[in-house]
Every structure is written in structure tokens, then in C-alpha cells.
């Protein structure tokens, strides 16, 4: 299953904490990028955050990828993804029901 994950650093992380977060987040991002689960990724240029599109088998696998750094330091939003083609199949199915 593909999951869109957006993340944005907590506003309360300021001063010396920013340096700590950059170090920890950099290590986590490298781990996530080398996991083989990333199908797309990017950084937001207008805020302290970014996104991943991850291919995972379960919620547990997603939790393993994001913890502990991401959960402890970022607002996280996730959305399961489905292709536009698959949506067309659903529309056809519902139309004939």
C-alpha cells in the first residue's frame, strides 16, 4: 500500500534544539531513503518539513520507519493512496450496482 506522509517540525523546536533536530532528522531521512520503501520524496521550501510517498505492507512497518525521531519532533499527516485508474474501476462498479 502506498502512503503519503507529510511532516512539519514542531514550532516549539527553536534555538539549540534546531541543531539537534537537524542531526537526528538527517539520520532518519537517510535511513528512510535507503529503506527501499520510498517511491517519491521532497522538502517544502516554505516551512520546516517535507513529504514521502512510502510503499508499506502494514501500519507497523510505517511506524518502524517513522519512529522515534519523526513522531517525537514533527506533526505528521498520512494519507493512503490509490491510482486514478483504480478510482475509474470503482466508479464503473458503483454505476452498475
N, C-alpha and C. Protein backbone atom coordinates (compact mmCIF):
# COMPACT_ATOMS: atom_id res chain seq x y z
N UNK A 1 0.84 -1.17 0.00
CA UNK A 1 0.00 0.00 0.00
C UNK A 1 0.89 1.24 0.00
N UNK A 2 0.52 2.20 -0.82
CA UNK A 2 1.25 3.47 -0.83
C UNK A 2 0.62 4.43 0.17
N UNK A 3 1.48 5.09 0.92
CA UNK A 3 1.06 6.07 1.92
C UNK A 3 1.79 7.38 1.67
N UNK A 4 1.04 8.47 1.56
CA UNK A 4 1.63 9.81 1.51
C UNK A 4 1.83 10.26 2.95
N UNK A 5 3.05 10.65 3.29
CA UNK A 5 3.39 11.10 4.64
C UNK A 5 3.96 12.51 4.54
N UNK A 6 3.27 13.48 5.13
CA UNK A 6 3.86 14.82 5.21
C UNK A 6 4.29 15.05 6.65
N UNK A 7 5.36 15.82 6.81
CA UNK A 7 5.88 16.09 8.15
C UNK A 7 6.31 17.54 8.23
N UNK A 8 6.07 18.14 9.41
CA UNK A 8 6.46 19.52 9.66
C UNK A 8 6.96 19.63 11.10
N UNK A 9 8.15 20.20 11.27
CA UNK A 9 8.76 20.30 12.60
C UNK A 9 7.87 21.12 13.54
N UNK A 10 7.83 20.70 14.79
CA UNK A 10 7.09 21.45 15.80
C UNK A 10 7.64 22.87 15.89
N UNK A 11 6.75 23.86 15.99
CA UNK A 11 7.15 25.26 16.13
C UNK A 11 7.93 25.52 17.41
N UNK A 12 7.77 24.65 18.40
CA UNK A 12 8.44 24.83 19.69
C UNK A 12 9.92 24.45 19.65
N UNK A 13 10.37 23.86 18.54
CA UNK A 13 11.79 23.50 18.40
C UNK A 13 12.51 24.71 17.85
N UNK A 14 13.25 25.39 18.73
CA UNK A 14 13.95 26.62 18.38
C UNK A 14 15.35 26.60 18.99
N UNK A 15 16.16 27.58 18.62
CA UNK A 15 17.49 27.74 19.20
C UNK A 15 18.37 26.51 19.00
N UNK A 16 19.02 26.08 20.08
CA UNK A 16 19.94 24.94 20.01
C UNK A 16 19.22 23.64 19.65
N UNK A 17 17.94 23.58 19.92
CA UNK A 17 17.17 22.38 19.58
C UNK A 17 17.11 22.16 18.06
N UNK A 18 17.19 23.24 17.29
CA UNK A 18 17.16 23.12 15.83
C UNK A 18 18.36 22.32 15.35
N UNK A 19 19.53 22.57 15.92
CA UNK A 19 20.74 21.84 15.55
C UNK A 19 20.58 20.36 15.85
N UNK A 20 20.04 20.04 17.03
CA UNK A 20 19.80 18.65 17.41
C UNK A 20 18.82 18.00 16.43
N UNK A 21 17.74 18.71 16.11
CA UNK A 21 16.74 18.16 15.21
C UNK A 21 17.32 17.92 13.82
N UNK A 22 18.12 18.85 13.33
CA UNK A 22 18.72 18.66 12.00
C UNK A 22 19.57 17.40 11.97
N UNK A 23 20.33 17.16 13.02
CA UNK A 23 21.18 15.96 13.09
C UNK A 23 20.32 14.69 13.11
N UNK A 24 19.35 14.65 14.03
CA UNK A 24 18.51 13.46 14.16
C UNK A 24 17.65 13.24 12.92
N UNK A 25 17.07 14.31 12.40
CA UNK A 25 16.21 14.18 11.22
C UNK A 25 17.03 13.77 10.00
N UNK A 26 18.23 14.31 9.87
CA UNK A 26 19.10 13.93 8.76
C UNK A 26 19.40 12.44 8.77
N UNK A 27 19.70 11.91 9.94
CA UNK A 27 19.96 10.48 10.06
C UNK A 27 18.72 9.66 9.74
N UNK A 28 17.57 10.11 10.23
CA UNK A 28 16.32 9.39 9.97
C UNK A 28 15.98 9.43 8.48
N UNK A 29 16.10 10.59 7.87
CA UNK A 29 15.78 10.71 6.44
C UNK A 29 16.69 9.80 5.62
N UNK A 30 17.97 9.73 5.96
CA UNK A 30 18.87 8.82 5.25
C UNK A 30 18.42 7.37 5.41
N UNK A 31 18.00 7.01 6.63
CA UNK A 31 17.54 5.64 6.88
C UNK A 31 16.29 5.34 6.07
N UNK A 32 15.34 6.28 6.07
CA UNK A 32 14.10 6.08 5.31
C UNK A 32 14.41 5.98 3.82
N UNK A 33 15.25 6.87 3.30
CA UNK A 33 15.58 6.89 1.88
C UNK A 33 16.27 5.59 1.44
N UNK A 34 17.05 4.98 2.32
CA UNK A 34 17.76 3.75 1.97
C UNK A 34 16.95 2.49 2.29
N UNK A 35 15.73 2.65 2.79
CA UNK A 35 14.91 1.51 3.20
C UNK A 35 14.35 0.71 2.04
N UNK A 36 14.28 1.32 0.86
CA UNK A 36 13.65 0.66 -0.28
C UNK A 36 12.14 0.88 -0.32
N UNK A 37 11.60 1.65 0.63
CA UNK A 37 10.17 1.90 0.70
C UNK A 37 9.74 3.21 0.03
N UNK A 38 10.68 4.06 -0.33
CA UNK A 38 10.36 5.40 -0.83
C UNK A 38 10.13 5.37 -2.34
N UNK A 39 8.95 5.85 -2.75
CA UNK A 39 8.68 5.97 -4.19
C UNK A 39 8.73 7.42 -4.65
N UNK A 40 8.63 8.36 -3.72
CA UNK A 40 8.77 9.80 -4.02
C UNK A 40 9.07 10.51 -2.70
N UNK A 41 9.72 11.66 -2.81
CA UNK A 41 10.04 12.43 -1.61
C UNK A 41 10.36 13.87 -2.00
N UNK A 42 10.30 14.74 -1.02
CA UNK A 42 10.66 16.13 -1.26
C UNK A 42 10.59 16.94 0.02
N UNK A 43 11.13 18.14 -0.06
CA UNK A 43 11.14 19.07 1.06
C UNK A 43 10.31 20.29 0.68
N UNK A 44 9.53 20.78 1.62
CA UNK A 44 8.76 22.01 1.39
C UNK A 44 9.71 23.20 1.51
N UNK A 45 9.67 24.11 0.55
CA UNK A 45 10.58 25.25 0.58
C UNK A 45 10.05 26.38 1.46
N UNK A 46 8.80 26.31 1.87
CA UNK A 46 8.21 27.40 2.64
C UNK A 46 8.02 27.08 4.12
N UNK A 47 8.48 25.91 4.59
CA UNK A 47 8.37 25.55 6.00
C UNK A 47 9.34 24.43 6.32
N UNK A 48 9.49 24.14 7.60
CA UNK A 48 10.42 23.10 8.03
C UNK A 48 9.74 21.74 7.96
N UNK A 49 9.69 21.19 6.77
CA UNK A 49 9.04 19.91 6.59
C UNK A 49 9.17 19.40 5.18
N UNK A 50 8.50 18.30 4.93
CA UNK A 50 8.55 17.69 3.62
C UNK A 50 7.58 16.54 3.53
N UNK A 51 7.86 15.63 2.57
CA UNK A 51 6.95 14.50 2.38
C UNK A 51 7.69 13.29 1.85
N UNK A 52 7.08 12.15 2.06
CA UNK A 52 7.49 10.89 1.46
C UNK A 52 6.24 10.24 0.89
N UNK A 53 6.39 9.50 -0.19
CA UNK A 53 5.40 8.52 -0.58
C UNK A 53 6.09 7.18 -0.33
N UNK A 54 5.50 6.41 0.58
CA UNK A 54 6.11 5.16 1.02
C UNK A 54 5.27 3.97 0.61
N UNK A 55 5.94 2.91 0.21
CA UNK A 55 5.29 1.64 -0.07
C UNK A 55 5.50 0.76 1.16
N UNK A 56 4.40 0.46 1.87
CA UNK A 56 4.48 -0.35 3.09
C UNK A 56 3.42 -1.43 3.06
N UNK A 57 3.66 -2.47 3.84
CA UNK A 57 2.71 -3.59 3.93
C UNK A 57 1.73 -3.43 5.08
N UNK A 58 2.11 -2.62 6.09
CA UNK A 58 1.27 -2.54 7.29
C UNK A 58 1.53 -1.24 8.05
N UNK A 59 0.63 -0.96 8.97
CA UNK A 59 0.81 0.19 9.85
C UNK A 59 2.07 0.02 10.70
N UNK A 60 2.35 -1.20 11.07
CA UNK A 60 3.55 -1.48 11.88
C UNK A 60 4.83 -1.13 11.11
N UNK A 61 4.85 -1.44 9.82
CA UNK A 61 6.02 -1.11 9.01
C UNK A 61 6.19 0.40 8.90
N UNK A 62 5.07 1.12 8.74
CA UNK A 62 5.12 2.58 8.70
C UNK A 62 5.65 3.12 10.02
N UNK A 63 5.15 2.59 11.13
CA UNK A 63 5.59 3.02 12.46
C UNK A 63 7.09 2.79 12.64
N UNK A 64 7.59 1.65 12.17
CA UNK A 64 9.02 1.37 12.27
C UNK A 64 9.85 2.38 11.49
N UNK A 65 9.36 2.80 10.32
CA UNK A 65 10.10 3.76 9.51
C UNK A 65 10.15 5.15 10.15
N UNK A 66 9.08 5.57 10.80
CA UNK A 66 8.97 6.94 11.29
C UNK A 66 9.46 7.15 12.71
N UNK A 67 9.59 6.11 13.48
CA UNK A 67 9.94 6.26 14.89
C UNK A 67 11.42 6.14 15.14
N UNK A 68 11.89 6.73 16.24
CA UNK A 68 11.18 7.64 17.14
C UNK A 68 11.29 9.11 16.73
N UNK A 69 12.27 9.45 15.94
CA UNK A 69 12.56 10.87 15.65
C UNK A 69 11.39 11.60 15.04
N UNK A 70 10.77 11.04 14.02
CA UNK A 70 9.70 11.73 13.32
C UNK A 70 8.51 11.97 14.26
N UNK A 71 8.10 10.96 14.97
CA UNK A 71 6.94 11.07 15.86
C UNK A 71 7.20 12.05 17.00
N UNK A 72 8.41 12.08 17.51
CA UNK A 72 8.74 12.94 18.65
C UNK A 72 8.98 14.40 18.30
N UNK A 73 9.20 14.72 17.02
CA UNK A 73 9.61 16.08 16.65
C UNK A 73 8.80 16.75 15.55
N UNK A 74 7.88 16.02 14.94
CA UNK A 74 7.16 16.54 13.77
C UNK A 74 5.66 16.29 13.88
N UNK A 75 4.89 17.22 13.32
CA UNK A 75 3.48 16.96 13.05
C UNK A 75 3.48 16.07 11.82
N UNK A 76 2.76 14.96 11.87
CA UNK A 76 2.73 14.01 10.77
C UNK A 76 1.30 13.85 10.28
N UNK A 77 1.14 13.87 8.97
CA UNK A 77 -0.15 13.59 8.35
C UNK A 77 0.06 12.47 7.34
N UNK A 78 -0.80 11.47 7.38
CA UNK A 78 -0.69 10.37 6.42
C UNK A 78 -2.00 10.22 5.64
N UNK A 79 -1.84 9.79 4.39
CA UNK A 79 -3.00 9.52 3.53
C UNK A 79 -2.70 8.27 2.71
N UNK A 80 -3.55 7.24 2.79
CA UNK A 80 -3.39 6.11 1.87
C UNK A 80 -3.65 6.59 0.44
N UNK A 81 -2.90 6.06 -0.51
CA UNK A 81 -3.03 6.48 -1.92
C UNK A 81 -3.59 5.35 -2.78
N UNK A 82 -4.28 5.76 -3.84
CA UNK A 82 -4.82 4.83 -4.81
C UNK A 82 -4.68 5.49 -6.18
N UNK A 83 -4.45 4.71 -7.21
CA UNK A 83 -4.26 5.27 -8.55
C UNK A 83 -5.57 5.81 -9.10
N UNK A 84 -5.46 6.75 -10.02
CA UNK A 84 -6.62 7.30 -10.71
C UNK A 84 -7.32 6.19 -11.50
N UNK A 85 -6.53 5.28 -12.08
CA UNK A 85 -7.11 4.17 -12.83
C UNK A 85 -8.00 3.31 -11.94
N UNK A 86 -7.55 3.04 -10.73
CA UNK A 86 -8.33 2.25 -9.78
C UNK A 86 -9.62 2.98 -9.42
N UNK A 87 -9.54 4.29 -9.29
CA UNK A 87 -10.73 5.08 -9.00
C UNK A 87 -11.77 4.92 -10.11
N UNK A 88 -11.30 4.91 -11.37
CA UNK A 88 -12.19 4.69 -12.50
C UNK A 88 -12.90 3.34 -12.40
N UNK A 89 -12.18 2.32 -11.95
CA UNK A 89 -12.79 1.00 -11.76
C UNK A 89 -13.90 1.05 -10.71
N UNK A 90 -13.65 1.77 -9.63
CA UNK A 90 -14.67 1.92 -8.58
C UNK A 90 -15.89 2.65 -9.12
N UNK A 91 -15.68 3.71 -9.88
CA UNK A 91 -16.81 4.46 -10.45
C UNK A 91 -17.67 3.55 -11.34
N UNK A 92 -17.01 2.74 -12.17
CA UNK A 92 -17.75 1.83 -13.03
C UNK A 92 -18.53 0.81 -12.21
N UNK A 93 -17.91 0.29 -11.18
CA UNK A 93 -18.55 -0.69 -10.31
C UNK A 93 -19.78 -0.10 -9.65
N UNK A 94 -19.65 1.11 -9.11
CA UNK A 94 -20.76 1.76 -8.41
C UNK A 94 -21.88 2.13 -9.37
N UNK A 95 -21.54 2.45 -10.61
CA UNK A 95 -22.51 2.85 -11.59
C UNK A 95 -23.42 1.68 -11.98
N UNK A 96 -22.86 0.46 -11.99
CA UNK A 96 -23.63 -0.71 -12.37
C UNK A 96 -24.32 -1.38 -11.19
N UNK A 97 -24.06 -0.91 -9.99
CA UNK A 97 -24.68 -1.53 -8.80
C UNK A 97 -26.09 -1.04 -8.58
